[in-house]
Amino acid sequence: MAEVHTSIQLVFLARLRERFGVARETLSLDSSEISVASLLAKLRSRDSVFADELAEGRAYRVAVNHTVVGGEHSVRAGDEVAIFPPVTGG
């Protein structure tokens, strides 16, 4: 079977944009879909900044196509995945 390449848009907001040094990027994956948990693991493996900011227990949220989702959610070709700190107010 031929290898399938999936392209998704990653968006980093607020402190994550500053720490990662990029606001948006296109990421190619080697399958037609990937879970949010697997995507986060892939990003954590990039370097220590990603590993630290996206560590389990850190405060951040993930939205796929503008809907906040959990780690089991599937990301598919063409999806936009935004990763951002939780919003607080006062």
PDB file of N, CA and C in Angstrom:
ATOM      1  N   MET A   1       0.848  -1.179   0.000  1.00  0.00           N
ATOM      2  CA  MET A   1       0.000   0.000   0.000  1.00  0.00           C
ATOM      3  C   MET A   1       0.893   1.242   0.000  1.00  0.00           C
ATOM      4  N   ALA A   2       0.515   2.247  -0.737  1.00  0.00           N
ATOM      5  CA  ALA A   2       1.294   3.483  -0.815  1.00  0.00           C
ATOM      6  C   ALA A   2       1.210   4.260   0.495  1.00  0.00           C
ATOM      7  N   GLU A   3       2.285   4.955   0.787  1.00  0.00           N
ATOM      8  CA  GLU A   3       2.325   5.771   1.994  1.00  0.00           C
ATOM      9  C   GLU A   3       1.399   6.976   1.824  1.00  0.00           C
ATOM     10  N   VAL A   4       0.642   7.282   2.853  1.00  0.00           N
ATOM     11  CA  VAL A   4      -0.282   8.408   2.827  1.00  0.00           C
ATOM     12  C   VAL A   4       0.327   9.553   3.625  1.00  0.00           C
ATOM     13  N   HIS A   5       0.356  10.723   3.038  1.00  0.00           N
ATOM     14  CA  HIS A   5       0.873  11.882   3.755  1.00  0.00           C
ATOM     15  C   HIS A   5      -0.276  12.812   4.096  1.00  0.00           C
ATOM     16  N   THR A   6      -0.336  13.199   5.339  1.00  0.00           N
ATOM     17  CA  THR A   6      -1.388  14.056   5.843  1.00  0.00           C
ATOM     18  C   THR A   6      -0.780  15.385   6.229  1.00  0.00           C
ATOM     19  N   SER A   7      -1.384  16.450   5.795  1.00  0.00           N
ATOM     20  CA  SER A   7      -0.917  17.782   6.155  1.00  0.00           C
ATOM     21  C   SER A   7      -1.966  18.450   7.028  1.00  0.00           C
ATOM     22  N   ILE A   8      -1.521  18.956   8.166  1.00  0.00           N
ATOM     23  CA  ILE A   8      -2.402  19.696   9.068  1.00  0.00           C
ATOM     24  C   ILE A   8      -1.766  21.045   9.355  1.00  0.00           C
ATOM     25  N   GLN A   9      -2.582  21.971   9.806  1.00  0.00           N
ATOM     26  CA  GLN A   9      -2.095  23.286  10.214  1.00  0.00           C
ATOM     27  C   GLN A   9      -2.000  23.320  11.733  1.00  0.00           C
ATOM     28  N   LEU A  10      -0.840  23.687  12.248  1.00  0.00           N
ATOM     29  CA  LEU A  10      -0.660  23.882  13.680  1.00  0.00           C
ATOM     30  C   LEU A  10      -0.646  25.369  13.965  1.00  0.00           C
ATOM     31  N   VAL A  11      -1.348  25.774  15.003  1.00  0.00           N
ATOM     32  CA  VAL A  11      -1.382  27.170  15.427  1.00  0.00           C
ATOM     33  C   VAL A  11      -1.007  27.205  16.904  1.00  0.00           C
ATOM     34  N   PHE A  12      -0.012  28.027  17.232  1.00  0.00           N
ATOM     35  CA  PHE A  12       0.416  28.192  18.619  1.00  0.00           C
ATOM     36  C   PHE A  12       0.049  29.600  19.060  1.00  0.00           C
ATOM     37  N   LEU A  13      -0.612  29.716  20.198  1.00  0.00           N
ATOM     38  CA  LEU A  13      -1.110  31.009  20.654  1.00  0.00           C
ATOM     39  C   LEU A  13      -0.469  31.429  21.973  1.00  0.00           C
ATOM     40  N   ALA A  14      -0.478  32.746  22.203  1.00  0.00           N
ATOM     41  CA  ALA A  14      -0.047  33.358  23.465  1.00  0.00           C
ATOM     42  C   ALA A  14       1.374  32.931  23.830  1.00  0.00           C
ATOM     43  N   ARG A  15       1.571  32.482  25.066  1.00  0.00           N
ATOM     44  CA  ARG A  15       2.919  32.149  25.551  1.00  0.00           C
ATOM     45  C   ARG A  15       3.569  31.052  24.702  1.00  0.00           C
ATOM     46  N   LEU A  16       2.777  30.120  24.183  1.00  0.00           N
ATOM     47  CA  LEU A  16       3.351  29.041  23.383  1.00  0.00           C
ATOM     48  C   LEU A  16       3.936  29.573  22.083  1.00  0.00           C
ATOM     49  N   ARG A  17       3.288  30.523  21.471  1.00  0.00           N
ATOM     50  CA  ARG A  17       3.815  31.156  20.257  1.00  0.00           C
ATOM     51  C   ARG A  17       5.170  31.792  20.556  1.00  0.00           C
ATOM     52  N   GLU A  18       5.257  32.471  21.691  1.00  0.00           N
ATOM     53  CA  GLU A  18       6.512  33.123  22.072  1.00  0.00           C
ATOM     54  C   GLU A  18       7.602  32.099  22.366  1.00  0.00           C
ATOM     55  N   ARG A  19       7.270  31.058  23.100  1.00  0.00           N
ATOM     56  CA  ARG A  19       8.268  30.046  23.478  1.00  0.00           C
ATOM     57  C   ARG A  19       8.741  29.224  22.274  1.00  0.00           C
ATOM     58  N   PHE A  20       7.831  28.898  21.354  1.00  0.00           N
ATOM     59  CA  PHE A  20       8.199  28.076  20.205  1.00  0.00           C
ATOM     60  C   PHE A  20       8.785  28.907  19.064  1.00  0.00           C
ATOM     61  N   GLY A  21       8.572  30.220  19.100  1.00  0.00           N
ATOM     62  CA  GLY A  21       9.117  31.095  18.069  1.00  0.00           C
ATOM     63  C   GLY A  21       8.399  31.016  16.734  1.00  0.00           C
ATOM     64  N   VAL A  22       7.177  30.508  16.753  1.00  0.00           N
ATOM     65  CA  VAL A  22       6.391  30.393  15.525  1.00  0.00           C
ATOM     66  C   VAL A  22       4.909  30.458  15.894  1.00  0.00           C
ATOM     67  N   ALA A  23       4.125  31.111  15.041  1.00  0.00           N
ATOM     68  CA  ALA A  23       2.688  31.222  15.294  1.00  0.00           C
ATOM     69  C   ALA A  23       1.900  30.131  14.571  1.00  0.00           C
ATOM     70  N   ARG A  24       2.376  29.745  13.396  1.00  0.00           N
ATOM     71  CA  ARG A  24       1.638  28.786  12.553  1.00  0.00           C
ATOM     72  C   ARG A  24       2.637  27.989  11.730  1.00  0.00           C
ATOM     73  N   GLU A  25       2.314  26.726  11.516  1.00  0.00           N
ATOM     74  CA  GLU A  25       3.140  25.900  10.636  1.00  0.00           C
ATOM     75  C   GLU A  25       2.295  24.790  10.041  1.00  0.00           C
ATOM     76  N   THR A  26       2.741  24.297   8.908  1.00  0.00           N
ATOM     77  CA  THR A  26       2.134  23.130   8.285  1.00  0.00           C
ATOM     78  C   THR A  26       2.956  21.923   8.698  1.00  0.00           C
ATOM     79  N   LEU A  27       2.287  20.889   9.157  1.00  0.00           N
ATOM     80  CA  LEU A  27       2.969  19.678   9.603  1.00  0.00           C
ATOM     81  C   LEU A  27       2.487  18.500   8.769  1.00  0.00           C
ATOM     82  N   SER A  28       3.425  17.794   8.158  1.00  0.00           N
ATOM     83  CA  SER A  28       3.101  16.580   7.406  1.00  0.00           C
ATOM     84  C   SER A  28       3.225  15.385   8.328  1.00  0.00           C
ATOM     85  N   LEU A  29       2.234  14.522   8.273  1.00  0.00           N
ATOM     86  CA  LEU A  29       2.230  13.292   9.056  1.00  0.00           C
ATOM     87  C   LEU A  29       2.256  12.107   8.101  1.00  0.00           C
ATOM     88  N   ASP A  30       2.600  10.948   8.618  1.00  0.00           N
ATOM     89  CA  ASP A  30       2.733   9.766   7.775  1.00  0.00           C
ATOM     90  C   ASP A  30       1.513   8.853   7.789  1.00  0.00           C
ATOM     91  N   SER A  31       0.380   9.364   8.235  1.00  0.00           N
ATOM     92  CA  SER A  31      -0.842   8.560   8.233  1.00  0.00           C
ATOM     93  C   SER A  31      -2.028   9.466   7.946  1.00  0.00           C
ATOM     94  N   SER A  32      -3.165   8.861   7.664  1.00  0.00           N
ATOM     95  CA  SER A  32      -4.340   9.657   7.309  1.00  0.00           C
ATOM     96  C   SER A  32      -4.976  10.327   8.512  1.00  0.00           C
ATOM     97  N   GLU A  33      -4.674   9.827   9.719  1.00  0.00           N
ATOM     98  CA  GLU A  33      -5.149  10.476  10.929  1.00  0.00           C
ATOM     99  C   GLU A  33      -4.230  10.114  12.082  1.00  0.00           C
ATOM    100  N   ILE A  34      -4.261  10.954  13.110  1.00  0.00           N
ATOM    101  CA  ILE A  34      -3.430  10.763  14.291  1.00  0.00           C
ATOM    102  C   ILE A  34      -4.225  11.275  15.486  1.00  0.00           C
ATOM    103  N   SER A  35      -4.060  10.650  16.617  1.00  0.00           N
ATOM    104  CA  SER A  35      -4.756  11.147  17.810  1.00  0.00           C
ATOM    105  C   SER A  35      -4.053  12.405  18.316  1.00  0.00           C
ATOM    106  N   VAL A  36      -4.788  13.230  19.019  1.00  0.00           N
ATOM    107  CA  VAL A  36      -4.198  14.423  19.622  1.00  0.00           C
ATOM    108  C   VAL A  36      -3.057  14.018  20.552  1.00  0.00           C
ATOM    109  N   ALA A  37      -3.241  12.958  21.328  1.00  0.00           N
ATOM    110  CA  ALA A  37      -2.189  12.494  22.243  1.00  0.00           C
ATOM    111  C   ALA A  37      -0.917  12.127  21.480  1.00  0.00           C
ATOM    112  N   SER A  38      -1.053  11.444  20.357  1.00  0.00           N
ATOM    113  CA  SER A  38       0.116  11.075  19.550  1.00  0.00           C
ATOM    114  C   SER A  38       0.761  12.296  18.914  1.00  0.00           C
ATOM    115  N   LEU A  39      -0.055  13.243  18.472  1.00  0.00           N
ATOM    116  CA  LEU A  39       0.474  14.484  17.916  1.00  0.00           C
ATOM    117  C   LEU A  39       1.285  15.235  18.965  1.00  0.00           C
ATOM    118  N   LEU A  40       0.761  15.335  20.180  1.00  0.00           N
ATOM    119  CA  LEU A  40       1.488  16.025  21.247  1.00  0.00           C
ATOM    120  C   LEU A  40       2.804  15.318  21.559  1.00  0.00           C
ATOM    121  N   ALA A  41       2.802  13.995  21.553  1.00  0.00           N
ATOM    122  CA  ALA A  41       4.043  13.240  21.789  1.00  0.00           C
ATOM    123  C   ALA A  41       5.061  13.537  20.694  1.00  0.00           C
ATOM    124  N   LYS A  42       4.593  13.616  19.460  1.00  0.00           N
ATOM    125  CA  LYS A  42       5.475  13.941  18.328  1.00  0.00           C
ATOM    126  C   LYS A  42       6.070  15.335  18.507  1.00  0.00           C
ATOM    127  N   LEU A  43       5.255  16.299  18.922  1.00  0.00           N
ATOM    128  CA  LEU A  43       5.754  17.657  19.134  1.00  0.00           C
ATOM    129  C   LEU A  43       6.734  17.711  20.303  1.00  0.00           C
ATOM    130  N   ARG A  44       6.440  16.993  21.381  1.00  0.00           N
ATOM    131  CA  ARG A  44       7.343  16.973  22.546  1.00  0.00           C
ATOM    132  C   ARG A  44       8.717  16.431  22.179  1.00  0.00           C
ATOM    133  N   SER A  45       8.781  15.547  21.201  1.00  0.00           N
ATOM    134  CA  SER A  45      10.063  14.948  20.819  1.00  0.00           C
ATOM    135  C   SER A  45      10.950  15.899  20.013  1.00  0.00           C
ATOM    136  N   ARG A  46      10.432  17.052  19.621  1.00  0.00           N
ATOM    137  CA  ARG A  46      11.214  18.008  18.831  1.00  0.00           C
ATOM    138  C   ARG A  46      12.430  18.536  19.581  1.00  0.00           C
ATOM    139  N   ASP A  47      12.194  19.062  20.781  1.00  0.00           N
ATOM    140  CA  ASP A  47      13.292  19.614  21.580  1.00  0.00           C
ATOM    141  C   ASP A  47      12.808  19.877  22.997  1.00  0.00           C
ATOM    142  N   SER A  48      13.701  20.388  23.838  1.00  0.00           N
ATOM    143  CA  SER A  48      13.379  20.564  25.259  1.00  0.00           C
ATOM    144  C   SER A  48      12.322  21.639  25.497  1.00  0.00           C
ATOM    145  N   VAL A  49      12.243  22.640  24.639  1.00  0.00           N
ATOM    146  CA  VAL A  49      11.225  23.685  24.813  1.00  0.00           C
ATOM    147  C   VAL A  49       9.836  23.092  24.587  1.00  0.00           C
ATOM    148  N   PHE A  50       9.663  22.352  23.497  1.00  0.00           N
ATOM    149  CA  PHE A  50       8.381  21.692  23.240  1.00  0.00           C
ATOM    150  C   PHE A  50       8.082  20.678  24.339  1.00  0.00           C
ATOM    151  N   ALA A  51       9.100  19.911  24.739  1.00  0.00           N
ATOM    152  CA  ALA A  51       8.904  18.898  25.782  1.00  0.00           C
ATOM    153  C   ALA A  51       8.440  19.538  27.081  1.00  0.00           C
ATOM    154  N   ASP A  52       9.031  20.664  27.445  1.00  0.00           N
ATOM    155  CA  ASP A  52       8.667  21.344  28.689  1.00  0.00           C
ATOM    156  C   ASP A  52       7.270  21.960  28.612  1.00  0.00           C
ATOM    157  N   GLU A  53       6.997  22.702  27.559  1.00  0.00           N
ATOM    158  CA  GLU A  53       5.719  23.413  27.448  1.00  0.00           C
ATOM    159  C   GLU A  53       4.530  22.481  27.241  1.00  0.00           C
ATOM    160  N   LEU A  54       4.760  21.328  26.614  1.00  0.00           N
ATOM    161  CA  LEU A  54       3.664  20.396  26.327  1.00  0.00           C
ATOM    162  C   LEU A  54       3.706  19.161  27.223  1.00  0.00           C
ATOM    163  N   ALA A  55       4.449  19.255  28.324  1.00  0.00           N
ATOM    164  CA  ALA A  55       4.544  18.131  29.262  1.00  0.00           C
ATOM    165  C   ALA A  55       3.175  17.833  29.864  1.00  0.00           C
ATOM    166  N   GLU A  56       2.954  16.570  30.184  1.00  0.00           N
ATOM    167  CA  GLU A  56       1.703  16.200  30.845  1.00  0.00           C
ATOM    168  C   GLU A  56       1.630  16.947  32.166  1.00  0.00           C
ATOM    169  N   GLY A  57       0.465  17.474  32.466  1.00  0.00           N
ATOM    170  CA  GLY A  57       0.288  18.240  33.694  1.00  0.00           C
ATOM    171  C   GLY A  57       0.448  19.738  33.513  1.00  0.00           C
ATOM    172  N   ARG A  58       1.040  20.174  32.381  1.00  0.00           N
ATOM    173  CA  ARG A  58       1.140  21.605  32.102  1.00  0.00           C
ATOM    174  C   ARG A  58      -0.229  22.118  31.669  1.00  0.00           C
ATOM    175  N   ALA A  59      -0.457  23.401  31.907  1.00  0.00           N
ATOM    176  CA  ALA A  59      -1.753  24.003  31.573  1.00  0.00           C
ATOM    177  C   ALA A  59      -1.765  24.471  30.119  1.00  0.00           C
ATOM    178  N   TYR A  60      -2.457  23.724  29.267  1.00  0.00           N
ATOM    179  CA  TYR A  60      -2.698  24.135  27.886  1.00  0.00           C
ATOM    180  C   TYR A  60      -3.922  23.386  27.374  1.00  0.00           C
ATOM    181  N   ARG A  61      -4.487  23.894  26.322  1.00  0.00           N
ATOM    182  CA  ARG A  61      -5.661  23.288  25.698  1.00  0.00           C
ATOM    183  C   ARG A  61      -5.350  23.028  24.225  1.00  0.00           C
ATOM    184  N   VAL A  62      -6.103  22.102  23.652  1.00  0.00           N
ATOM    185  CA  VAL A  62      -5.976  21.789  22.230  1.00  0.00           C
ATOM    186  C   VAL A  62      -7.357  21.914  21.601  1.00  0.00           C
ATOM    187  N   ALA A  63      -7.422  22.643  20.498  1.00  0.00           N
ATOM    188  CA  ALA A  63      -8.672  22.764  19.743  1.00  0.00           C
ATOM    189  C   ALA A  63      -8.426  22.276  18.318  1.00  0.00           C
ATOM    190  N   VAL A  64      -9.326  21.467  17.819  1.00  0.00           N
ATOM    191  CA  VAL A  64      -9.277  21.019  16.432  1.00  0.00           C
ATOM    192  C   VAL A  64     -10.455  21.664  15.722  1.00  0.00           C
ATOM    193  N   ASN A  65     -10.136  22.458  14.710  1.00  0.00           N
ATOM    194  CA  ASN A  65     -11.163  23.183  13.958  1.00  0.00           C
ATOM    195  C   ASN A  65     -12.070  23.982  14.894  1.00  0.00           C
ATOM    196  N   HIS A  66     -11.460  24.679  15.840  1.00  0.00           N
ATOM    197  CA  HIS A  66     -12.125  25.610  16.764  1.00  0.00           C
ATOM    198  C   HIS A  66     -12.967  24.942  17.846  1.00  0.00           C
ATOM    199  N   THR A  67     -12.783  23.645  18.063  1.00  0.00           N
ATOM    200  CA  THR A  67     -13.487  22.934  19.128  1.00  0.00           C
ATOM    201  C   THR A  67     -12.456  22.313  20.061  1.00  0.00           C
ATOM    202  N   VAL A  68     -12.539  22.631  21.356  1.00  0.00           N
ATOM    203  CA  VAL A  68     -11.606  22.067  22.330  1.00  0.00           C
ATOM    204  C   VAL A  68     -11.862  20.566  22.438  1.00  0.00           C
ATOM    205  N   VAL A  69     -10.773  19.784  22.363  1.00  0.00           N
ATOM    206  CA  VAL A  69     -10.877  18.325  22.341  1.00  0.00           C
ATOM    207  C   VAL A  69      -9.902  17.702  23.340  1.00  0.00           C
ATOM    208  N   GLY A  70     -10.085  16.409  23.566  1.00  0.00           N
ATOM    209  CA  GLY A  70      -9.194  15.643  24.434  1.00  0.00           C
ATOM    210  C   GLY A  70      -8.180  14.857  23.624  1.00  0.00           C
ATOM    211  N   GLY A  71      -7.325  14.143  24.322  1.00  0.00           N
ATOM    212  CA  GLY A  71      -6.235  13.405  23.704  1.00  0.00           C
ATOM    213  C   GLY A  71      -6.656  12.283  22.776  1.00  0.00           C
ATOM    214  N   GLU A  72      -7.861  11.762  22.958  1.00  0.00           N
ATOM    215  CA  GLU A  72      -8.321  10.646  22.131  1.00  0.00           C
ATOM    216  C   GLU A  72      -8.877  11.101  20.784  1.00  0.00           C
ATOM    217  N   HIS A  73      -9.115  12.393  20.627  1.00  0.00           N
ATOM    218  CA  HIS A  73      -9.696  12.935  19.392  1.00  0.00           C
ATOM    219  C   HIS A  73      -8.761  12.688  18.204  1.00  0.00           C
ATOM    220  N   SER A  74      -9.313  12.355  17.057  1.00  0.00           N
ATOM    221  CA  SER A  74      -8.521  12.130  15.842  1.00  0.00           C
ATOM    222  C   SER A  74      -8.365  13.414  15.050  1.00  0.00           C
ATOM    223  N   VAL A  75      -7.153  13.648  14.584  1.00  0.00           N
ATOM    224  CA  VAL A  75      -6.830  14.773  13.710  1.00  0.00           C
ATOM    225  C   VAL A  75      -6.671  14.199  12.306  1.00  0.00           C
ATOM    226  N   ARG A  76      -7.300  14.847  11.329  1.00  0.00           N
ATOM    227  CA  ARG A  76      -7.283  14.356   9.950  1.00  0.00           C
ATOM    228  C   ARG A  76      -6.713  15.411   9.005  1.00  0.00           C
ATOM    229  N   ALA A  77      -6.384  14.990   7.804  1.00  0.00           N
ATOM    230  CA  ALA A  77      -5.839  15.893   6.788  1.00  0.00           C
ATOM    231  C   ALA A  77      -6.695  17.143   6.665  1.00  0.00           C
ATOM    232  N   GLY A  78      -6.040  18.285   6.610  1.00  0.00           N
ATOM    233  CA  GLY A  78      -6.735  19.550   6.440  1.00  0.00           C
ATOM    234  C   GLY A  78      -7.197  20.194   7.728  1.00  0.00           C
ATOM    235  N   ASP A  79      -7.115  19.481   8.839  1.00  0.00           N
ATOM    236  CA  ASP A  79      -7.549  20.049  10.120  1.00  0.00           C
ATOM    237  C   ASP A  79      -6.600  21.145  10.587  1.00  0.00           C
ATOM    238  N   GLU A  80      -7.160  22.067  11.356  1.00  0.00           N
ATOM    239  CA  GLU A  80      -6.358  23.078  12.042  1.00  0.00           C
ATOM    240  C   GLU A  80      -6.329  22.708  13.521  1.00  0.00           C
ATOM    241  N   VAL A  81      -5.129  22.607  14.068  1.00  0.00           N
ATOM    242  CA  VAL A  81      -4.945  22.252  15.472  1.00  0.00           C
ATOM    243  C   VAL A  81      -4.306  23.443  16.174  1.00  0.00           C
ATOM    244  N   ALA A  82      -5.046  24.031  17.098  1.00  0.00           N
ATOM    245  CA  ALA A  82      -4.532  25.160  17.877  1.00  0.00           C
ATOM    246  C   ALA A  82      -4.173  24.671  19.271  1.00  0.00           C
ATOM    247  N   ILE A  83      -3.007  25.101  19.746  1.00  0.00           N
ATOM    248  CA  ILE A  83      -2.560  24.753  21.093  1.00  0.00           C
ATOM    249  C   ILE A  83      -2.329  26.067  21.824  1.00  0.00           C
ATOM    250  N   PHE A  84      -2.947  26.191  23.001  1.00  0.00           N
ATOM    251  CA  PHE A  84      -2.934  27.480  23.687  1.00  0.00           C
ATOM    252  C   PHE A  84      -3.090  27.292  25.191  1.00  0.00           C
ATOM    253  N   PRO A  85      -2.603  28.270  25.972  1.00  0.00           N
ATOM    254  CA  PRO A  85      -2.816  28.210  27.416  1.00  0.00           C
ATOM    255  C   PRO A  85      -4.284  28.481  27.728  1.00  0.00           C
ATOM    256  N   PRO A  86      -4.769  27.978  28.863  1.00  0.00           N
ATOM    257  CA  PRO A  86      -6.160  28.255  29.225  1.00  0.00           C
ATOM    258  C   PRO A  86      -6.364  29.750  29.451  1.00  0.00           C
ATOM    259  N   VAL A  87      -7.541  30.204  29.133  1.00  0.00           N
ATOM    260  CA  VAL A  87      -7.883  31.611  29.303  1.00  0.00           C
ATOM    261  C   VAL A  87      -8.377  31.817  30.726  1.00  0.00           C
ATOM    262  N   THR A  88      -7.850  32.836  31.371  1.00  0.00           N
ATOM    263  CA  THR A  88      -8.313  33.178  32.716  1.00  0.00           C
ATOM    264  C   THR A  88      -8.742  34.630  32.718  1.00  0.00           C
ATOM    265  N   GLY A  89      -9.575  34.959  33.623  1.00  0.00           N
ATOM    266  CA  GLY A  89     -10.040  36.337  33.709  1.00  0.00           C
ATOM    267  C   GLY A  89     -10.272  36.720  35.146  1.00  0.00           C
ATOM    268  N   GLY A  90     -10.580  37.955  35.324  1.00  0.00           N
ATOM    269  CA  GLY A  90     -10.806  38.359  36.700  1.00  0.00           C
ATOM    270  C   GLY A  90     -11.510  39.670  36.791  1.00  0.00           C
TER     271      GLY A  90
END
